[in-house]
Amino acid sequence: MTEVIELLGKTLTHTTRLLKNVTPEQYGQPTPCAEFDVYALANHLVAGNLYYVRLAQGGAPDFSLFAQDQIGGRQPGDAYAQGAEDALDAWRTEGAVERQMPMPMPGGGQGPLVTDLHLLEATLHGWDVATATGQDRRGDPDAVQAVHQRWYGRFPDALRSQTRLFDPSRPVPEGAPALDEIAAHFGRTV
């Protein structure tokens, strides 16, 4: 098993725990990710695992997954746990961890490793869930450290307007935890 799969396993497990603590009464609460309430964010996370399974298997990006209700009547943590397991299995297949993300901007091109993007998304959106629902938002320490090393300060605001993947970076309080720094770097108000 490669290091990134181990890190993904840790952050997917951590995010699963956060989602298992979400109650139906919290579904309509706002999140730091402005376009989502808690339920929509949970659905985005569940759809994200399906999306990354497809990419790990060499398929093309399928954004229609995000427009569907992937949770249905299930508890969000249960739905996410199954997708996380499927995603880890997909990443373990030959050649999967070497795949690069096709960039959604004029001229396209290849972006970061898809595994790194999955790690970022699961870690950052885990922070969003934790913040919105009053849970511990520090994340898995190993995954947070890896995301900080791979992403913090390496995705300039100028590129964000072209890709529309993230909001412009925001200020972060002095001495903030690493995951708060990452969240602010990707447009969250800390």
N, C-alpha and C. Protein backbone atom coordinates (compact mmCIF):
# COMPACT_ATOMS: atom_id res chain seq x y z
N MET A 1 0.85 -1.18 0.00
CA MET A 1 0.00 0.00 0.00
C MET A 1 0.89 1.24 0.00
N THR A 2 0.60 2.20 -0.85
CA THR A 2 1.42 3.41 -0.90
C THR A 2 1.03 4.37 0.23
N GLU A 3 1.91 5.32 0.47
CA GLU A 3 1.68 6.29 1.53
C GLU A 3 0.38 7.07 1.33
N VAL A 4 0.12 7.49 0.10
CA VAL A 4 -1.08 8.30 -0.13
C VAL A 4 -2.36 7.50 0.14
N ILE A 5 -2.35 6.21 -0.13
CA ILE A 5 -3.54 5.40 0.17
C ILE A 5 -3.71 5.28 1.68
N GLU A 6 -2.62 5.13 2.40
CA GLU A 6 -2.71 5.11 3.87
C GLU A 6 -3.29 6.42 4.39
N LEU A 7 -2.79 7.54 3.86
CA LEU A 7 -3.29 8.85 4.28
C LEU A 7 -4.76 9.03 3.92
N LEU A 8 -5.12 8.60 2.71
CA LEU A 8 -6.53 8.65 2.31
C LEU A 8 -7.39 7.83 3.26
N GLY A 9 -6.91 6.64 3.60
CA GLY A 9 -7.65 5.80 4.54
C GLY A 9 -7.88 6.51 5.86
N LYS A 10 -6.86 7.20 6.35
CA LYS A 10 -7.00 7.92 7.63
C LYS A 10 -8.01 9.07 7.53
N THR A 11 -7.91 9.86 6.47
CA THR A 11 -8.82 11.00 6.38
C THR A 11 -10.24 10.55 6.05
N LEU A 12 -10.39 9.50 5.25
CA LEU A 12 -11.74 8.99 4.96
C LEU A 12 -12.37 8.42 6.23
N THR A 13 -11.58 7.75 7.05
CA THR A 13 -12.09 7.23 8.33
C THR A 13 -12.50 8.38 9.24
N HIS A 14 -11.65 9.41 9.30
CA HIS A 14 -11.96 10.57 10.14
C HIS A 14 -13.24 11.26 9.67
N THR A 15 -13.35 11.48 8.37
CA THR A 15 -14.54 12.15 7.83
C THR A 15 -15.78 11.28 8.01
N THR A 16 -15.62 9.97 7.92
CA THR A 16 -16.75 9.07 8.20
C THR A 16 -17.25 9.26 9.63
N ARG A 17 -16.33 9.33 10.59
CA ARG A 17 -16.74 9.55 11.99
C ARG A 17 -17.50 10.86 12.14
N LEU A 18 -17.00 11.91 11.50
CA LEU A 18 -17.70 13.20 11.58
C LEU A 18 -19.11 13.08 11.01
N LEU A 19 -19.25 12.44 9.87
CA LEU A 19 -20.56 12.31 9.23
C LEU A 19 -21.49 11.40 10.01
N LYS A 20 -20.94 10.41 10.70
CA LYS A 20 -21.79 9.53 11.53
C LYS A 20 -22.38 10.28 12.72
N ASN A 21 -21.76 11.41 13.10
CA ASN A 21 -22.28 12.22 14.20
C ASN A 21 -23.31 13.26 13.75
N VAL A 22 -23.52 13.39 12.47
CA VAL A 22 -24.48 14.36 11.96
C VAL A 22 -25.89 13.83 12.18
N THR A 23 -26.75 14.71 12.71
CA THR A 23 -28.15 14.33 12.96
C THR A 23 -29.06 15.03 11.95
N PRO A 24 -30.25 14.47 11.71
CA PRO A 24 -31.19 15.11 10.78
C PRO A 24 -31.50 16.57 11.15
N GLU A 25 -31.45 16.89 12.43
CA GLU A 25 -31.72 18.27 12.85
C GLU A 25 -30.64 19.24 12.35
N GLN A 26 -29.48 18.72 12.01
CA GLN A 26 -28.37 19.56 11.53
C GLN A 26 -28.34 19.70 10.01
N TYR A 27 -29.14 18.95 9.29
CA TYR A 27 -29.06 18.92 7.83
C TYR A 27 -29.17 20.30 7.19
N GLY A 28 -30.00 21.18 7.69
CA GLY A 28 -30.22 22.48 7.08
C GLY A 28 -29.25 23.57 7.53
N GLN A 29 -28.33 23.24 8.44
CA GLN A 29 -27.38 24.24 8.94
C GLN A 29 -26.40 24.65 7.85
N PRO A 30 -26.00 25.94 7.86
CA PRO A 30 -25.00 26.39 6.88
C PRO A 30 -23.63 25.80 7.19
N THR A 31 -22.78 25.77 6.18
CA THR A 31 -21.41 25.29 6.33
C THR A 31 -20.44 26.38 5.85
N PRO A 32 -19.16 26.26 6.18
CA PRO A 32 -18.19 27.22 5.66
C PRO A 32 -18.05 27.19 4.14
N CYS A 33 -18.49 26.12 3.53
CA CYS A 33 -18.50 25.99 2.07
C CYS A 33 -19.85 26.55 1.62
N ALA A 34 -19.88 27.82 1.24
CA ALA A 34 -21.10 28.62 1.12
C ALA A 34 -22.23 28.00 0.31
N GLU A 35 -21.92 27.23 -0.71
CA GLU A 35 -23.01 26.71 -1.54
C GLU A 35 -23.72 25.49 -0.95
N PHE A 36 -23.24 25.00 0.20
CA PHE A 36 -23.79 23.80 0.80
C PHE A 36 -24.32 24.02 2.21
N ASP A 37 -25.49 23.42 2.50
CA ASP A 37 -25.86 23.22 3.90
C ASP A 37 -25.26 21.86 4.30
N VAL A 38 -25.48 21.43 5.52
CA VAL A 38 -24.84 20.20 6.00
C VAL A 38 -25.24 18.99 5.15
N TYR A 39 -26.53 18.87 4.82
CA TYR A 39 -26.96 17.71 4.02
C TYR A 39 -26.34 17.76 2.63
N ALA A 40 -26.36 18.92 2.00
CA ALA A 40 -25.79 19.03 0.65
C ALA A 40 -24.29 18.74 0.66
N LEU A 41 -23.60 19.19 1.71
CA LEU A 41 -22.17 18.90 1.82
C LEU A 41 -21.94 17.40 2.02
N ALA A 42 -22.73 16.78 2.88
CA ALA A 42 -22.61 15.33 3.08
C ALA A 42 -22.85 14.60 1.76
N ASN A 43 -23.86 15.03 1.01
CA ASN A 43 -24.15 14.42 -0.28
C ASN A 43 -22.98 14.62 -1.25
N HIS A 44 -22.39 15.81 -1.23
CA HIS A 44 -21.23 16.12 -2.07
C HIS A 44 -20.07 15.17 -1.73
N LEU A 45 -19.85 14.94 -0.45
CA LEU A 45 -18.79 14.03 -0.03
C LEU A 45 -19.06 12.60 -0.48
N VAL A 46 -20.29 12.14 -0.34
CA VAL A 46 -20.64 10.78 -0.77
C VAL A 46 -20.47 10.67 -2.29
N ALA A 47 -20.96 11.66 -3.02
CA ALA A 47 -20.79 11.67 -4.48
C ALA A 47 -19.31 11.73 -4.85
N GLY A 48 -18.54 12.48 -4.07
CA GLY A 48 -17.11 12.59 -4.34
C GLY A 48 -16.41 11.26 -4.32
N ASN A 49 -16.75 10.41 -3.38
CA ASN A 49 -16.13 9.09 -3.36
C ASN A 49 -16.46 8.30 -4.63
N LEU A 50 -17.70 8.39 -5.09
CA LEU A 50 -18.09 7.73 -6.34
C LEU A 50 -17.32 8.31 -7.52
N TYR A 51 -17.17 9.62 -7.53
CA TYR A 51 -16.42 10.33 -8.56
C TYR A 51 -14.97 9.85 -8.61
N TYR A 52 -14.34 9.74 -7.43
CA TYR A 52 -12.94 9.31 -7.39
C TYR A 52 -12.78 7.83 -7.73
N VAL A 53 -13.77 7.01 -7.45
CA VAL A 53 -13.71 5.61 -7.90
C VAL A 53 -13.62 5.59 -9.41
N ARG A 54 -14.44 6.38 -10.05
CA ARG A 54 -14.46 6.44 -11.52
C ARG A 54 -13.09 6.90 -12.06
N LEU A 55 -12.54 7.95 -11.47
CA LEU A 55 -11.24 8.45 -11.93
C LEU A 55 -10.12 7.44 -11.66
N ALA A 56 -10.16 6.79 -10.51
CA ALA A 56 -9.13 5.79 -10.19
C ALA A 56 -9.15 4.64 -11.18
N GLN A 57 -10.33 4.36 -11.71
CA GLN A 57 -10.47 3.27 -12.67
C GLN A 57 -10.18 3.72 -14.11
N GLY A 58 -9.78 4.99 -14.27
CA GLY A 58 -9.41 5.49 -15.59
C GLY A 58 -10.55 6.12 -16.35
N GLY A 59 -11.70 6.29 -15.71
CA GLY A 59 -12.85 6.89 -16.37
C GLY A 59 -12.74 8.41 -16.43
N ALA A 60 -13.61 8.99 -17.24
CA ALA A 60 -13.66 10.44 -17.38
C ALA A 60 -14.41 11.04 -16.19
N PRO A 61 -14.14 12.30 -15.85
CA PRO A 61 -14.89 12.95 -14.78
C PRO A 61 -16.39 12.93 -15.08
N ASP A 62 -17.19 12.60 -14.08
CA ASP A 62 -18.65 12.57 -14.23
C ASP A 62 -19.26 13.45 -13.15
N PHE A 63 -19.44 14.73 -13.50
CA PHE A 63 -19.96 15.70 -12.54
C PHE A 63 -21.45 15.50 -12.26
N SER A 64 -22.14 14.70 -13.08
CA SER A 64 -23.57 14.46 -12.83
C SER A 64 -23.78 13.73 -11.50
N LEU A 65 -22.76 13.03 -11.01
CA LEU A 65 -22.88 12.34 -9.72
C LEU A 65 -23.23 13.31 -8.60
N PHE A 66 -22.72 14.54 -8.71
CA PHE A 66 -22.92 15.53 -7.65
C PHE A 66 -24.32 16.13 -7.67
N ALA A 67 -25.04 15.98 -8.78
CA ALA A 67 -26.38 16.55 -8.91
C ALA A 67 -27.46 15.58 -8.41
N GLN A 68 -27.07 14.39 -8.04
CA GLN A 68 -28.02 13.36 -7.59
C GLN A 68 -27.95 13.20 -6.07
N ASP A 69 -29.07 12.78 -5.49
CA ASP A 69 -29.08 12.49 -4.05
C ASP A 69 -28.45 11.13 -3.85
N GLN A 70 -27.21 11.12 -3.39
CA GLN A 70 -26.46 9.87 -3.19
C GLN A 70 -26.70 9.27 -1.81
N ILE A 71 -27.30 10.03 -0.91
CA ILE A 71 -27.52 9.54 0.45
C ILE A 71 -28.84 8.78 0.55
N GLY A 72 -29.87 9.31 -0.11
CA GLY A 72 -31.18 8.68 -0.02
C GLY A 72 -31.67 8.69 1.41
N GLY A 73 -32.20 7.62 1.89
CA GLY A 73 -32.71 7.54 3.25
C GLY A 73 -31.67 7.09 4.26
N ARG A 74 -30.43 6.93 3.84
CA ARG A 74 -29.40 6.43 4.75
C ARG A 74 -28.85 7.54 5.64
N GLN A 75 -28.18 7.15 6.70
CA GLN A 75 -27.45 8.09 7.54
C GLN A 75 -26.20 8.49 6.73
N PRO A 76 -25.85 9.79 6.68
CA PRO A 76 -24.73 10.22 5.83
C PRO A 76 -23.42 9.50 6.10
N GLY A 77 -23.10 9.21 7.34
CA GLY A 77 -21.86 8.51 7.65
C GLY A 77 -21.84 7.10 7.10
N ASP A 78 -22.99 6.43 7.12
CA ASP A 78 -23.07 5.07 6.56
C ASP A 78 -22.88 5.09 5.05
N ALA A 79 -23.53 6.06 4.39
CA ALA A 79 -23.39 6.19 2.94
C ALA A 79 -21.95 6.51 2.57
N TYR A 80 -21.34 7.39 3.33
CA TYR A 80 -19.96 7.79 3.06
C TYR A 80 -18.98 6.64 3.31
N ALA A 81 -19.20 5.88 4.36
CA ALA A 81 -18.31 4.76 4.70
C ALA A 81 -18.23 3.75 3.56
N GLN A 82 -19.36 3.42 2.95
CA GLN A 82 -19.34 2.46 1.85
C GLN A 82 -18.56 3.02 0.66
N GLY A 83 -18.80 4.29 0.33
CA GLY A 83 -18.07 4.91 -0.78
C GLY A 83 -16.59 5.02 -0.50
N ALA A 84 -16.23 5.28 0.75
CA ALA A 84 -14.82 5.37 1.13
C ALA A 84 -14.12 4.03 0.92
N GLU A 85 -14.78 2.97 1.31
CA GLU A 85 -14.22 1.63 1.12
C GLU A 85 -14.04 1.32 -0.36
N ASP A 86 -15.05 1.67 -1.16
CA ASP A 86 -14.96 1.45 -2.61
C ASP A 86 -13.84 2.27 -3.22
N ALA A 87 -13.68 3.52 -2.75
CA ALA A 87 -12.63 4.39 -3.29
C ALA A 87 -11.24 3.82 -2.95
N LEU A 88 -11.04 3.39 -1.72
CA LEU A 88 -9.74 2.83 -1.35
C LEU A 88 -9.42 1.58 -2.17
N ASP A 89 -10.44 0.75 -2.40
CA ASP A 89 -10.23 -0.44 -3.25
C ASP A 89 -9.83 -0.01 -4.66
N ALA A 90 -10.48 1.01 -5.19
CA ALA A 90 -10.16 1.49 -6.54
C ALA A 90 -8.74 2.05 -6.61
N TRP A 91 -8.32 2.77 -5.57
CA TRP A 91 -6.97 3.34 -5.57
C TRP A 91 -5.90 2.27 -5.47
N ARG A 92 -6.25 1.11 -4.98
CA ARG A 92 -5.27 0.03 -4.83
C ARG A 92 -5.01 -0.71 -6.15
N THR A 93 -5.75 -0.41 -7.20
CA THR A 93 -5.56 -1.11 -8.47
C THR A 93 -4.31 -0.57 -9.18
N GLU A 94 -3.72 -1.40 -9.99
CA GLU A 94 -2.49 -1.07 -10.71
C GLU A 94 -2.62 0.24 -11.48
N GLY A 95 -1.70 1.17 -11.24
CA GLY A 95 -1.63 2.42 -11.99
C GLY A 95 -2.55 3.53 -11.52
N ALA A 96 -3.45 3.23 -10.60
CA ALA A 96 -4.45 4.23 -10.20
C ALA A 96 -3.83 5.46 -9.54
N VAL A 97 -2.87 5.26 -8.67
CA VAL A 97 -2.31 6.41 -7.93
C VAL A 97 -1.46 7.33 -8.80
N GLU A 98 -1.12 6.93 -10.01
CA GLU A 98 -0.33 7.77 -10.90
C GLU A 98 -1.20 8.68 -11.78
N ARG A 99 -2.50 8.53 -11.72
CA ARG A 99 -3.38 9.32 -12.60
C ARG A 99 -3.38 10.79 -12.20
N GLN A 100 -3.37 11.66 -13.20
CA GLN A 100 -3.43 13.10 -12.96
C GLN A 100 -4.80 13.62 -13.32
N MET A 101 -5.17 14.71 -12.66
CA MET A 101 -6.48 15.33 -12.86
C MET A 101 -6.48 16.17 -14.13
N PRO A 102 -7.44 15.92 -15.05
CA PRO A 102 -7.57 16.84 -16.18
C PRO A 102 -8.10 18.18 -15.66
N MET A 103 -7.49 19.27 -16.08
CA MET A 103 -7.85 20.58 -15.57
C MET A 103 -9.05 21.16 -16.31
N PRO A 104 -10.06 21.66 -15.54
CA PRO A 104 -11.27 22.20 -16.15
C PRO A 104 -11.13 23.70 -16.47
N MET A 105 -10.22 24.03 -17.37
CA MET A 105 -10.02 25.43 -17.73
C MET A 105 -9.64 25.50 -19.19
N PRO A 106 -9.69 26.70 -19.77
CA PRO A 106 -9.29 26.82 -21.18
C PRO A 106 -7.88 26.29 -21.38
N GLY A 107 -7.71 25.46 -22.35
CA GLY A 107 -6.41 24.85 -22.60
C GLY A 107 -6.23 23.53 -21.88
N GLY A 108 -7.07 23.28 -20.87
CA GLY A 108 -7.03 22.01 -20.15
C GLY A 108 -5.67 21.70 -19.56
N GLY A 109 -5.17 20.54 -19.89
CA GLY A 109 -3.89 20.11 -19.35
C GLY A 109 -4.08 19.21 -18.15
N GLN A 110 -2.97 18.74 -17.65
CA GLN A 110 -3.00 17.82 -16.51
C GLN A 110 -2.62 18.57 -15.24
N GLY A 111 -3.38 18.35 -14.23
CA GLY A 111 -3.15 18.99 -12.94
C GLY A 111 -2.53 18.04 -11.94
N PRO A 112 -2.91 18.18 -10.68
CA PRO A 112 -2.32 17.37 -9.63
C PRO A 112 -2.72 15.90 -9.74
N LEU A 113 -2.01 15.07 -9.00
CA LEU A 113 -2.41 13.67 -8.91
C LEU A 113 -3.82 13.62 -8.33
N VAL A 114 -4.65 12.76 -8.87
CA VAL A 114 -6.04 12.68 -8.42
C VAL A 114 -6.11 12.24 -6.96
N THR A 115 -5.18 11.38 -6.54
CA THR A 115 -5.17 10.97 -5.14
C THR A 115 -4.94 12.16 -4.21
N ASP A 116 -4.06 13.08 -4.62
CA ASP A 116 -3.81 14.26 -3.80
C ASP A 116 -5.05 15.14 -3.72
N LEU A 117 -5.77 15.24 -4.83
CA LEU A 117 -7.00 16.03 -4.82
C LEU A 117 -8.06 15.37 -3.93
N HIS A 118 -8.17 14.05 -3.99
CA HIS A 118 -9.11 13.33 -3.13
C HIS A 118 -8.75 13.54 -1.66
N LEU A 119 -7.47 13.47 -1.36
CA LEU A 119 -7.01 13.69 0.01
C LEU A 119 -7.37 15.10 0.47
N LEU A 120 -7.13 16.09 -0.37
CA LEU A 120 -7.48 17.47 -0.03
C LEU A 120 -8.98 17.61 0.18
N GLU A 121 -9.77 17.13 -0.75
CA GLU A 121 -11.23 17.27 -0.66
C GLU A 121 -11.79 16.63 0.61
N ALA A 122 -11.37 15.41 0.90
CA ALA A 122 -11.89 14.72 2.08
C ALA A 122 -11.47 15.43 3.37
N THR A 123 -10.24 15.91 3.40
CA THR A 123 -9.74 16.60 4.59
C THR A 123 -10.41 17.96 4.76
N LEU A 124 -10.46 18.75 3.69
CA LEU A 124 -11.03 20.09 3.75
C LEU A 124 -12.53 20.04 4.02
N HIS A 125 -13.25 19.17 3.33
CA HIS A 125 -14.69 19.08 3.56
C HIS A 125 -14.99 18.44 4.92
N GLY A 126 -14.09 17.61 5.43
CA GLY A 126 -14.24 17.14 6.81
C GLY A 126 -14.20 18.31 7.77
N TRP A 127 -13.29 19.25 7.53
CA TRP A 127 -13.21 20.48 8.33
C TRP A 127 -14.53 21.24 8.24
N ASP A 128 -15.08 21.32 7.03
CA ASP A 128 -16.36 22.01 6.83
C ASP A 128 -17.47 21.36 7.67
N VAL A 129 -17.55 20.03 7.62
CA VAL A 129 -18.57 19.31 8.39
C VAL A 129 -18.38 19.55 9.88
N ALA A 130 -17.13 19.40 10.34
CA ALA A 130 -16.84 19.58 11.76
C ALA A 130 -17.19 20.98 12.22
N THR A 131 -16.83 21.98 11.44
CA THR A 131 -17.10 23.37 11.80
C THR A 131 -18.61 23.63 11.85
N ALA A 132 -19.33 23.14 10.86
CA ALA A 132 -20.77 23.39 10.77
C ALA A 132 -21.56 22.69 11.88
N THR A 133 -21.04 21.57 12.37
CA THR A 133 -21.78 20.78 13.35
C THR A 133 -21.17 20.82 14.74
N GLY A 134 -20.18 21.68 14.94
CA GLY A 134 -19.60 21.85 16.27
C GLY A 134 -18.73 20.70 16.74
N GLN A 135 -18.11 19.99 15.80
CA GLN A 135 -17.23 18.88 16.17
C GLN A 135 -15.76 19.33 16.13
N ASP A 136 -14.89 18.47 16.62
CA ASP A 136 -13.46 18.76 16.60
C ASP A 136 -13.01 18.84 15.15
N ARG A 137 -12.42 19.97 14.77
CA ARG A 137 -12.10 20.19 13.37
C ARG A 137 -10.61 20.08 13.06
N ARG A 138 -9.85 19.43 13.91
CA ARG A 138 -8.41 19.32 13.66
C ARG A 138 -8.05 18.29 12.61
N GLY A 139 -8.89 17.31 12.34
CA GLY A 139 -8.60 16.31 11.32
C GLY A 139 -7.59 15.27 11.77
N ASP A 140 -7.35 14.29 10.92
CA ASP A 140 -6.32 13.29 11.20
C ASP A 140 -4.96 13.97 11.05
N PRO A 141 -4.11 13.92 12.07
CA PRO A 141 -2.84 14.67 12.04
C PRO A 141 -1.94 14.33 10.85
N ASP A 142 -1.84 13.05 10.50
CA ASP A 142 -0.97 12.65 9.39
C ASP A 142 -1.51 13.17 8.06
N ALA A 143 -2.81 13.04 7.87
CA ALA A 143 -3.43 13.53 6.62
C ALA A 143 -3.33 15.05 6.53
N VAL A 144 -3.56 15.73 7.64
CA VAL A 144 -3.48 17.19 7.65
C VAL A 144 -2.06 17.64 7.31
N GLN A 145 -1.07 16.99 7.89
CA GLN A 145 0.32 17.33 7.60
C GLN A 145 0.63 17.14 6.11
N ALA A 146 0.16 16.03 5.54
CA ALA A 146 0.40 15.77 4.12
C ALA A 146 -0.30 16.80 3.24
N VAL A 147 -1.54 17.12 3.56
CA VAL A 147 -2.27 18.13 2.78
C VAL A 147 -1.56 19.47 2.89
N HIS A 148 -1.13 19.82 4.07
CA HIS A 148 -0.43 21.09 4.27
C HIS A 148 0.83 21.14 3.41
N GLN A 149 1.60 20.07 3.40
CA GLN A 149 2.84 20.02 2.61
C GLN A 149 2.56 20.06 1.10
N ARG A 150 1.50 19.39 0.67
CA ARG A 150 1.23 19.26 -0.76
C ARG A 150 0.44 20.42 -1.35
N TRP A 151 -0.32 21.13 -0.52
CA TRP A 151 -1.25 22.12 -1.07
C TRP A 151 -1.08 23.54 -0.53
N TYR A 152 -0.67 23.69 0.72
CA TYR A 152 -0.67 25.02 1.33
C TYR A 152 0.29 25.96 0.59
N GLY A 153 -0.25 27.05 0.08
CA GLY A 153 0.55 28.03 -0.64
C GLY A 153 0.90 27.64 -2.06
N ARG A 154 0.37 26.52 -2.53
CA ARG A 154 0.75 26.02 -3.86
C ARG A 154 -0.38 26.09 -4.89
N PHE A 155 -1.46 26.76 -4.55
CA PHE A 155 -2.57 26.89 -5.50
C PHE A 155 -2.94 28.37 -5.52
N PRO A 156 -2.25 29.16 -6.37
CA PRO A 156 -2.41 30.61 -6.34
C PRO A 156 -3.82 31.07 -6.69
N ASP A 157 -4.19 32.21 -6.11
CA ASP A 157 -5.52 32.77 -6.36
C ASP A 157 -5.78 33.00 -7.85
N ALA A 158 -4.75 33.39 -8.61
CA ALA A 158 -4.92 33.64 -10.04
C ALA A 158 -5.40 32.39 -10.78
N LEU A 159 -4.94 31.24 -10.38
CA LEU A 159 -5.35 29.99 -11.01
C LEU A 159 -6.78 29.62 -10.62
N ARG A 160 -7.21 30.02 -9.45
CA ARG A 160 -8.55 29.67 -8.96
C ARG A 160 -9.64 30.26 -9.84
N SER A 161 -9.44 31.48 -10.34
CA SER A 161 -10.46 32.10 -11.18
C SER A 161 -10.59 31.36 -12.51
N GLN A 162 -9.53 30.72 -12.96
CA GLN A 162 -9.58 29.95 -14.20
C GLN A 162 -10.24 28.59 -14.00
N THR A 163 -9.93 27.95 -12.88
CA THR A 163 -10.45 26.60 -12.65
C THR A 163 -11.78 26.58 -11.93
N ARG A 164 -12.06 27.64 -11.17
CA ARG A 164 -13.26 27.73 -10.34
C ARG A 164 -13.37 26.58 -9.34
N LEU A 165 -12.23 26.00 -8.97
CA LEU A 165 -12.24 24.90 -8.01
C LEU A 165 -12.33 25.40 -6.57
N PHE A 166 -11.73 26.57 -6.28
CA PHE A 166 -11.69 27.06 -4.91
C PHE A 166 -11.87 28.57 -4.89
N ASP A 167 -12.32 29.07 -3.76
CA ASP A 167 -12.44 30.52 -3.56
C ASP A 167 -11.06 31.10 -3.28
N PRO A 168 -10.92 32.44 -3.41
CA PRO A 168 -9.65 33.07 -3.07
C PRO A 168 -9.28 32.83 -1.61
N SER A 169 -7.99 32.81 -1.35
CA SER A 169 -7.53 32.58 0.02
C SER A 169 -7.95 33.73 0.92
N ARG A 170 -8.05 33.42 2.21
CA ARG A 170 -8.46 34.39 3.22
C ARG A 170 -7.42 34.43 4.33
N PRO A 171 -7.44 35.50 5.11
CA PRO A 171 -6.49 35.57 6.21
C PRO A 171 -6.79 34.50 7.26
N VAL A 172 -5.75 34.12 7.96
CA VAL A 172 -5.88 33.13 9.02
C VAL A 172 -5.23 33.71 10.28
N PRO A 173 -5.83 33.47 11.43
CA PRO A 173 -5.24 33.99 12.66
C PRO A 173 -3.83 33.44 12.90
N GLU A 174 -2.98 34.26 13.46
CA GLU A 174 -1.61 33.86 13.82
C GLU A 174 -1.66 32.63 14.73
N GLY A 175 -0.85 31.64 14.43
CA GLY A 175 -0.76 30.45 15.26
C GLY A 175 -1.92 29.49 15.11
N ALA A 176 -2.72 29.65 14.07
CA ALA A 176 -3.87 28.76 13.86
C ALA A 176 -3.40 27.34 13.57
N PRO A 177 -4.21 26.33 13.94
CA PRO A 177 -3.86 24.95 13.61
C PRO A 177 -3.70 24.78 12.09
N ALA A 178 -2.93 23.79 11.70
CA ALA A 178 -2.62 23.56 10.28
C ALA A 178 -3.87 23.42 9.42
N LEU A 179 -4.89 22.73 9.91
CA LEU A 179 -6.08 22.54 9.09
C LEU A 179 -6.86 23.85 8.95
N ASP A 180 -6.83 24.71 9.95
CA ASP A 180 -7.43 26.04 9.80
C ASP A 180 -6.67 26.83 8.73
N GLU A 181 -5.35 26.72 8.70
CA GLU A 181 -4.55 27.39 7.67
C GLU A 181 -4.95 26.90 6.28
N ILE A 182 -5.11 25.60 6.14
CA ILE A 182 -5.50 25.02 4.86
C ILE A 182 -6.89 25.53 4.47
N ALA A 183 -7.82 25.52 5.42
CA ALA A 183 -9.18 25.98 5.14
C ALA A 183 -9.17 27.43 4.67
N ALA A 184 -8.42 28.29 5.33
CA ALA A 184 -8.34 29.70 4.93
C ALA A 184 -7.68 29.82 3.56
N HIS A 185 -6.65 29.00 3.32
CA HIS A 185 -5.97 29.05 2.02
C HIS A 185 -6.95 28.72 0.89
N PHE A 186 -7.93 27.88 1.16
CA PHE A 186 -8.90 27.51 0.14
C PHE A 186 -10.24 28.24 0.28
N GLY A 187 -10.18 29.42 0.89
CA GLY A 187 -11.33 30.33 0.84
C GLY A 187 -12.29 30.28 1.99
N ARG A 188 -12.01 29.52 3.02
CA ARG A 188 -12.91 29.47 4.17
C ARG A 188 -12.57 30.59 5.15
N THR A 189 -13.59 31.09 5.80
CA THR A 189 -13.37 32.04 6.87
C THR A 189 -13.15 31.27 8.16
N VAL A 190 -12.00 31.49 8.77
CA VAL A 190 -11.66 30.75 10.00
C VAL A 190 -11.95 31.66 11.19
